[in-house]
Amino acid sequence: MRLRIIGIALVLALGAAACRPHPGGYHRVRAATIADRLRRYAGDDAARQASLAGLFEEAGCRGDRLELQPVDNADAPNVICTLPGETDGVLVVGAHFDRVDVGDGVADNWSGASLLPSLYQSLGRTPRRHTFLFIGFSDEEEGYVGSKFYADTLDAARRASIRAMVNLDTLGLTSARVWERDSSPPLVELLHAVARARGLPLDACNIDDYGDSDGSSFKKHGIPVLTLHSVTPGTWDILHSEKDRFAAVGQSDYYDTYNLVAAFLAALDAAPPAGAEGAGPGSTPPRDNPAGGNLPETTP
């Protein structure tokens, strides 16, 4: 998460109207695997990029599904894993893998980046309507360089195909928080509905004056964005400090966040397409079962 020096104004807010998407299931990756992937944070940005690519391959994203996108003015490329879907609609799930020089950068933001291969693994064993792009962005801490390059260089048709962007930045310091004021209201509604249906913890924490993240690169192009994090008044000082170590991430909170994101993505994929009556990533989903199905755990 790229910090602003101008100050911190954290506003805690709850309140999203109930909505229920069509059901969608996912395969649950084991907690031990999620924790092991989080432990593979070591090294500079180039080493972390290579580690992330290796994690994608380990999760089954190989060959022409895995792409390293060179980024202008960045030392490391974006890492892009594609999960093909049945329609032209695209859902982007992004997290930056770079870090600042202080601390180990585990929470900010290896916690988001290392979750991407597990989400691919969770969703990839069931046919999906949308094509999912799981993207590890480079140089977020230098001004969202990787995400800006990705979003700005898309042609108009490809950009228009993106139904939503889900941004994961700094997870597991607490239970999941959604940045409501920075996120599309229908996506926030859907997230709250999934959390309620599955009994998973979720709060709102708006961090407008604290910093920004890669979602801004997509918002400026009119793409609906949802940003998930775990920053609160009690955890903000961990970021960009010596405190950002593996021990700072609570494994129970982190695994709950993984399950929430996986269930949310499955539900979002199952929502009717944009233009259909009642729903789509840009409008309120229809009323149905928000929980979706839980499929067996995968190995690893």
Protein backbone atom coordinates (compact mmCIF):
# COMPACT_ATOMS: atom_id res chain seq x y z
CA MET A 1 0.00 0.00 0.00
CA ARG A 2 1.46 3.34 -1.03
CA LEU A 3 1.30 5.69 1.95
CA ARG A 4 0.60 9.40 1.96
CA ILE A 5 2.55 11.52 4.41
CA ILE A 6 -0.24 14.08 4.83
CA GLY A 7 -1.89 12.24 7.69
CA ILE A 8 -4.25 9.48 8.68
CA ALA A 9 -8.02 9.71 8.90
CA LEU A 10 -9.48 6.28 9.40
CA VAL A 11 -13.27 6.26 9.41
CA LEU A 12 -14.95 3.05 10.44
CA ALA A 13 -18.31 2.58 8.78
CA LEU A 14 -20.70 -0.30 8.39
CA GLY A 15 -23.86 -0.61 6.38
CA ALA A 16 -24.54 -2.33 3.10
CA ALA A 17 -28.02 -3.38 1.99
CA ALA A 18 -28.62 -7.11 1.73
CA CYS A 19 -28.41 -8.74 -1.67
CA ARG A 20 -28.08 -12.32 -2.82
CA PRO A 21 -26.21 -13.45 -5.92
CA HIS A 22 -26.63 -16.70 -7.77
CA PRO A 23 -24.74 -19.49 -6.03
CA GLY A 24 -21.17 -20.25 -6.93
CA GLY A 25 -18.76 -22.72 -5.37
CA TYR A 26 -15.00 -22.98 -5.01
CA HIS A 27 -12.44 -25.58 -4.01
CA ARG A 28 -10.87 -24.76 -0.66
CA VAL A 29 -7.08 -24.71 -0.49
CA ARG A 30 -5.70 -25.98 2.80
CA ALA A 31 -4.74 -23.48 5.48
CA ALA A 32 -1.24 -24.95 5.65
CA THR A 33 -0.74 -24.27 1.93
CA ILE A 34 -1.95 -20.68 2.29
CA ALA A 35 0.50 -20.15 5.17
CA ASP A 36 3.38 -21.80 3.29
CA ARG A 37 2.88 -19.51 0.29
CA LEU A 38 2.85 -16.51 2.60
CA ARG A 39 6.26 -17.60 3.97
CA ARG A 40 7.85 -17.30 0.53
CA TYR A 41 8.21 -13.51 0.73
CA ALA A 42 11.98 -13.25 0.88
CA GLY A 43 14.16 -11.21 -1.44
CA ASP A 44 14.01 -8.03 -3.45
CA ASP A 45 11.24 -7.23 -5.93
CA ALA A 46 12.81 -9.35 -8.68
CA ALA A 47 13.04 -12.34 -6.34
CA ARG A 48 9.45 -11.85 -5.21
CA GLN A 49 8.28 -11.67 -8.82
CA ALA A 50 10.05 -14.96 -9.55
CA SER A 51 8.59 -16.52 -6.41
CA LEU A 52 5.08 -15.43 -7.40
CA ALA A 53 5.48 -16.91 -10.88
CA GLY A 54 6.66 -20.14 -9.26
CA LEU A 55 3.63 -20.21 -6.98
CA PHE A 56 1.33 -19.83 -9.98
CA GLU A 57 3.04 -22.76 -11.69
CA GLU A 58 2.71 -24.78 -8.49
CA ALA A 59 -1.03 -23.99 -8.44
CA GLY A 60 -1.42 -25.21 -12.02
CA CYS A 61 -1.15 -21.95 -13.97
CA ARG A 62 1.48 -22.81 -16.57
CA GLY A 63 2.32 -22.47 -20.25
CA ASP A 64 0.33 -19.90 -22.19
CA ARG A 65 -1.82 -19.20 -19.13
CA LEU A 66 1.12 -17.55 -17.37
CA GLU A 67 2.59 -14.33 -18.75
CA LEU A 68 5.32 -11.96 -17.61
CA GLN A 69 4.40 -8.51 -18.91
CA PRO A 70 7.37 -6.11 -19.18
CA VAL A 71 6.50 -2.76 -17.62
CA ASP A 72 8.02 0.54 -18.73
CA ASN A 73 10.12 2.17 -16.00
CA ALA A 74 9.96 -0.89 -13.73
CA ASP A 75 12.66 -3.43 -12.93
CA ALA A 76 10.22 -6.34 -12.60
CA PRO A 77 7.36 -7.34 -14.92
CA ASN A 78 3.72 -7.79 -14.04
CA VAL A 79 2.83 -11.46 -13.48
CA ILE A 80 -0.45 -12.40 -15.21
CA CYS A 81 -2.26 -15.73 -14.81
CA THR A 82 -5.35 -16.32 -16.96
CA LEU A 83 -8.24 -18.61 -16.04
CA PRO A 84 -10.38 -18.81 -19.21
CA GLY A 85 -14.15 -18.44 -18.95
CA GLU A 86 -17.14 -19.16 -21.17
CA THR A 87 -17.98 -15.53 -22.04
CA ASP A 88 -16.14 -12.38 -23.10
CA GLY A 89 -16.50 -10.82 -19.65
CA VAL A 90 -13.33 -10.42 -17.57
CA LEU A 91 -12.80 -10.15 -13.81
CA VAL A 92 -9.40 -8.86 -12.68
CA VAL A 93 -8.01 -9.84 -9.28
CA GLY A 94 -4.87 -7.86 -8.50
CA ALA A 95 -2.26 -7.37 -5.80
CA HIS A 96 1.18 -5.77 -5.87
CA PHE A 97 4.20 -7.90 -5.00
CA ASP A 98 6.79 -5.14 -4.51
CA ARG A 99 7.87 -3.90 -1.10
CA VAL A 100 9.59 -0.96 0.55
CA ASP A 101 13.11 -1.29 1.96
CA VAL A 102 12.02 -1.37 5.62
CA GLY A 103 10.71 -4.61 7.11
CA ASP A 104 9.95 -7.74 5.12
CA GLY A 105 6.85 -6.52 3.31
CA VAL A 106 4.83 -9.60 4.30
CA ALA A 107 1.57 -7.82 5.08
CA ASP A 108 2.22 -5.06 2.53
CA ASN A 109 1.79 -6.77 0.22
CA TRP A 110 2.99 -10.33 -0.07
CA SER A 111 -0.20 -11.16 1.80
CA GLY A 112 -2.21 -10.12 -1.26
CA ALA A 113 0.19 -11.32 -3.96
CA SER A 114 0.77 -14.81 -2.54
CA LEU A 115 -2.99 -15.34 -2.26
CA LEU A 116 -3.48 -14.99 -6.03
CA PRO A 117 -2.25 -18.50 -6.94
CA SER A 118 -4.49 -20.04 -4.27
CA LEU A 119 -7.48 -18.15 -5.67
CA TYR A 120 -6.64 -19.44 -9.15
CA GLN A 121 -6.43 -22.95 -7.73
CA SER A 122 -9.73 -22.51 -5.86
CA LEU A 123 -11.72 -21.31 -8.86
CA GLY A 124 -9.97 -23.25 -11.63
CA ARG A 125 -11.56 -26.65 -11.06
CA THR A 126 -15.08 -25.48 -11.88
CA PRO A 127 -16.16 -23.97 -15.25
CA ARG A 128 -16.42 -20.18 -14.98
CA ARG A 129 -18.55 -17.72 -16.92
CA HIS A 130 -16.00 -14.92 -16.78
CA THR A 131 -12.33 -15.07 -17.66
CA PHE A 132 -10.33 -14.35 -14.50
CA LEU A 133 -7.04 -12.48 -14.70
CA PHE A 134 -4.94 -12.84 -11.55
CA ILE A 135 -2.29 -10.12 -11.75
CA GLY A 136 0.71 -9.46 -9.54
CA PHE A 137 1.58 -5.80 -10.13
CA SER A 138 5.09 -4.37 -9.96
CA ASP A 139 6.16 -1.09 -8.38
CA GLU A 140 2.94 -0.09 -6.63
CA GLU A 141 5.04 1.60 -3.98
CA GLU A 142 6.59 3.83 -6.67
CA GLY A 143 3.23 5.19 -7.82
CA TYR A 144 1.14 2.22 -9.02
CA VAL A 145 3.53 1.78 -11.96
CA GLY A 146 2.59 -1.80 -12.86
CA SER A 147 -1.17 -1.40 -12.58
CA LYS A 148 -1.15 1.92 -14.43
CA PHE A 149 0.85 0.39 -17.25
CA TYR A 150 -1.51 -2.58 -17.47
CA ALA A 151 -4.73 -0.54 -17.45
CA ASP A 152 -3.47 2.33 -19.61
CA THR A 153 -2.12 0.11 -22.39
CA LEU A 154 -5.30 -1.91 -22.87
CA ASP A 155 -7.18 -1.18 -26.08
CA ALA A 156 -10.72 0.12 -25.75
CA ALA A 157 -12.41 -3.21 -26.44
CA ARG A 158 -10.30 -5.13 -23.93
CA ARG A 159 -10.77 -2.46 -21.29
CA ALA A 160 -14.55 -2.53 -21.86
CA SER A 161 -14.59 -6.29 -21.31
CA ILE A 162 -13.45 -5.90 -17.68
CA ARG A 163 -16.56 -6.13 -15.50
CA ALA A 164 -14.78 -5.50 -12.19
CA MET A 165 -11.37 -5.28 -10.54
CA VAL A 166 -10.83 -6.75 -7.06
CA ASN A 167 -7.80 -5.25 -5.33
CA LEU A 168 -6.08 -7.08 -2.46
CA ASP A 169 -3.68 -4.97 -0.43
CA THR A 170 -2.37 -5.68 3.07
CA LEU A 171 -4.35 -8.64 4.43
CA GLY A 172 -4.35 -10.58 7.68
CA LEU A 173 -3.36 -7.89 10.17
CA THR A 174 -6.98 -8.10 11.32
CA SER A 175 -10.10 -9.66 9.86
CA ALA A 176 -11.06 -8.40 6.40
CA ARG A 177 -11.90 -4.73 5.88
CA VAL A 178 -13.51 -3.26 2.77
CA TRP A 179 -12.67 0.27 1.67
CA GLU A 180 -16.29 1.21 1.03
CA ARG A 181 -15.85 4.77 -0.18
CA ASP A 182 -13.26 3.63 -2.70
CA SER A 183 -15.32 0.67 -3.92
CA SER A 184 -18.31 0.19 -6.21
CA PRO A 185 -21.48 0.01 -4.03
CA PRO A 186 -22.94 -3.08 -5.78
CA LEU A 187 -19.68 -4.94 -5.22
CA VAL A 188 -19.66 -3.89 -1.57
CA GLU A 189 -23.26 -5.13 -1.19
CA LEU A 190 -22.35 -8.46 -2.71
CA LEU A 191 -19.30 -8.84 -0.47
CA HIS A 192 -21.33 -8.16 2.69
CA ALA A 193 -23.98 -10.64 1.56
CA VAL A 194 -21.40 -13.37 1.00
CA ALA A 195 -19.77 -12.66 4.38
CA ARG A 196 -23.11 -12.86 6.18
CA ALA A 197 -24.15 -16.05 4.41
CA ARG A 198 -20.87 -17.80 5.22
CA GLY A 199 -20.47 -16.40 8.72
CA LEU A 200 -17.14 -14.80 7.87
CA PRO A 201 -15.97 -11.58 9.55
CA LEU A 202 -16.06 -8.37 7.52
CA ASP A 203 -15.98 -4.71 8.54
CA ALA A 204 -15.64 -1.42 6.70
CA CYS A 205 -12.64 0.84 7.14
CA ASN A 206 -12.23 3.83 4.84
CA ILE A 207 -8.62 4.96 4.48
CA ASP A 208 -9.02 7.83 2.03
CA ASP A 209 -6.43 10.10 3.69
CA TYR A 210 -4.07 7.27 4.55
CA GLY A 211 -3.05 6.06 1.13
CA ASP A 212 -4.16 4.62 -2.16
CA SER A 213 -3.64 1.42 -4.07
CA ASP A 214 -3.73 -0.24 -7.48
CA GLY A 215 -7.49 0.02 -7.77
CA SER A 216 -7.09 3.68 -8.70
CA SER A 217 -5.47 2.65 -12.00
CA PHE A 218 -8.71 0.94 -13.01
CA LYS A 219 -11.17 3.41 -11.48
CA LYS A 220 -9.93 6.20 -13.70
CA HIS A 221 -11.06 4.14 -16.69
CA GLY A 222 -14.57 3.67 -15.27
CA ILE A 223 -14.02 0.06 -14.19
CA PRO A 224 -15.86 -0.94 -10.96
CA VAL A 225 -13.36 -1.65 -8.17
CA LEU A 226 -13.48 -3.37 -4.79
CA THR A 227 -10.53 -2.93 -2.40
CA LEU A 228 -9.98 -5.31 0.52
CA HIS A 229 -7.39 -4.69 3.26
CA SER A 230 -6.84 -5.06 7.03
CA VAL A 231 -5.69 -1.57 8.02
CA THR A 232 -7.17 -0.11 11.21
CA PRO A 233 -6.07 2.53 13.75
CA GLY A 234 -4.36 -0.30 15.63
CA THR A 235 -2.48 -1.77 12.65
CA TRP A 236 -1.56 1.13 10.37
CA ASP A 237 1.85 1.63 11.98
CA ILE A 238 2.93 -1.87 10.89
CA LEU A 239 3.06 -0.75 7.26
CA HIS A 240 6.43 0.46 5.94
CA SER A 241 8.10 -0.40 9.24
CA GLU A 242 10.28 -3.06 10.84
CA LYS A 243 7.06 -4.50 12.27
CA ASP A 244 5.98 -5.79 8.85
CA ARG A 245 7.18 -9.35 9.42
CA PHE A 246 5.60 -12.76 9.00
CA ALA A 247 4.49 -12.77 12.64
CA ALA A 248 2.38 -9.65 12.07
CA VAL A 249 -0.09 -11.60 9.96
CA GLY A 250 -2.71 -13.49 11.97
CA GLN A 251 -3.10 -16.85 10.26
CA SER A 252 -6.75 -17.33 11.29
CA ASP A 253 -7.73 -13.87 10.03
CA TYR A 254 -5.72 -14.44 6.86
CA TYR A 255 -7.38 -17.77 6.11
CA ASP A 256 -10.84 -16.30 6.78
CA THR A 257 -9.98 -13.53 4.32
CA TYR A 258 -8.92 -16.07 1.70
CA ASN A 259 -12.23 -17.91 2.09
CA LEU A 260 -14.18 -14.66 1.87
CA VAL A 261 -12.42 -13.58 -1.32
CA ALA A 262 -12.78 -17.00 -2.95
CA ALA A 263 -16.49 -17.18 -2.13
CA PHE A 264 -17.02 -13.60 -3.30
CA LEU A 265 -15.29 -14.23 -6.64
CA ALA A 266 -17.34 -17.36 -7.23
CA ALA A 267 -20.54 -15.46 -6.46
CA LEU A 268 -19.50 -12.53 -8.65
CA ASP A 269 -18.77 -14.89 -11.53
CA ALA A 270 -22.22 -16.47 -11.17
CA ALA A 271 -24.10 -13.13 -11.22
CA PRO A 272 -26.05 -12.38 -14.41
CA PRO A 273 -24.12 -10.41 -17.05
CA ALA A 274 -24.28 -6.64 -17.29
CA GLY A 275 -27.47 -5.61 -19.05
CA ALA A 276 -29.48 -8.53 -17.73
CA GLU A 277 -32.42 -7.59 -15.55
CA GLY A 278 -31.45 -7.17 -11.94
CA ALA A 279 -27.71 -7.70 -11.77
CA GLY A 280 -24.18 -7.89 -13.05
CA PRO A 281 -20.96 -6.64 -11.49
CA GLY A 282 -22.11 -3.05 -12.07
CA SER A 283 -25.57 -3.39 -10.57
CA THR A 284 -27.37 -5.11 -7.69
CA PRO A 285 -27.42 -8.92 -8.01
CA PRO A 286 -30.70 -10.87 -7.90
CA ARG A 287 -31.94 -12.50 -4.73
CA ASP A 288 -30.85 -16.10 -4.35
CA ASN A 289 -28.41 -18.07 -2.25
CA PRO A 290 -25.36 -15.85 -1.52
CA ALA A 291 -23.24 -18.55 0.02
CA GLY A 292 -22.61 -20.77 -2.94
CA GLY A 293 -21.31 -24.29 -2.52
CA ASN A 294 -18.13 -25.37 -0.77
CA LEU A 295 -16.27 -27.96 -2.78
CA PRO A 296 -13.67 -30.30 -1.28
CA GLU A 297 -10.25 -29.07 -0.25
CA THR A 298 -7.60 -29.22 -2.93
CA THR A 299 -4.10 -30.62 -2.61
CA PRO A 300 -1.72 -29.00 -1.95
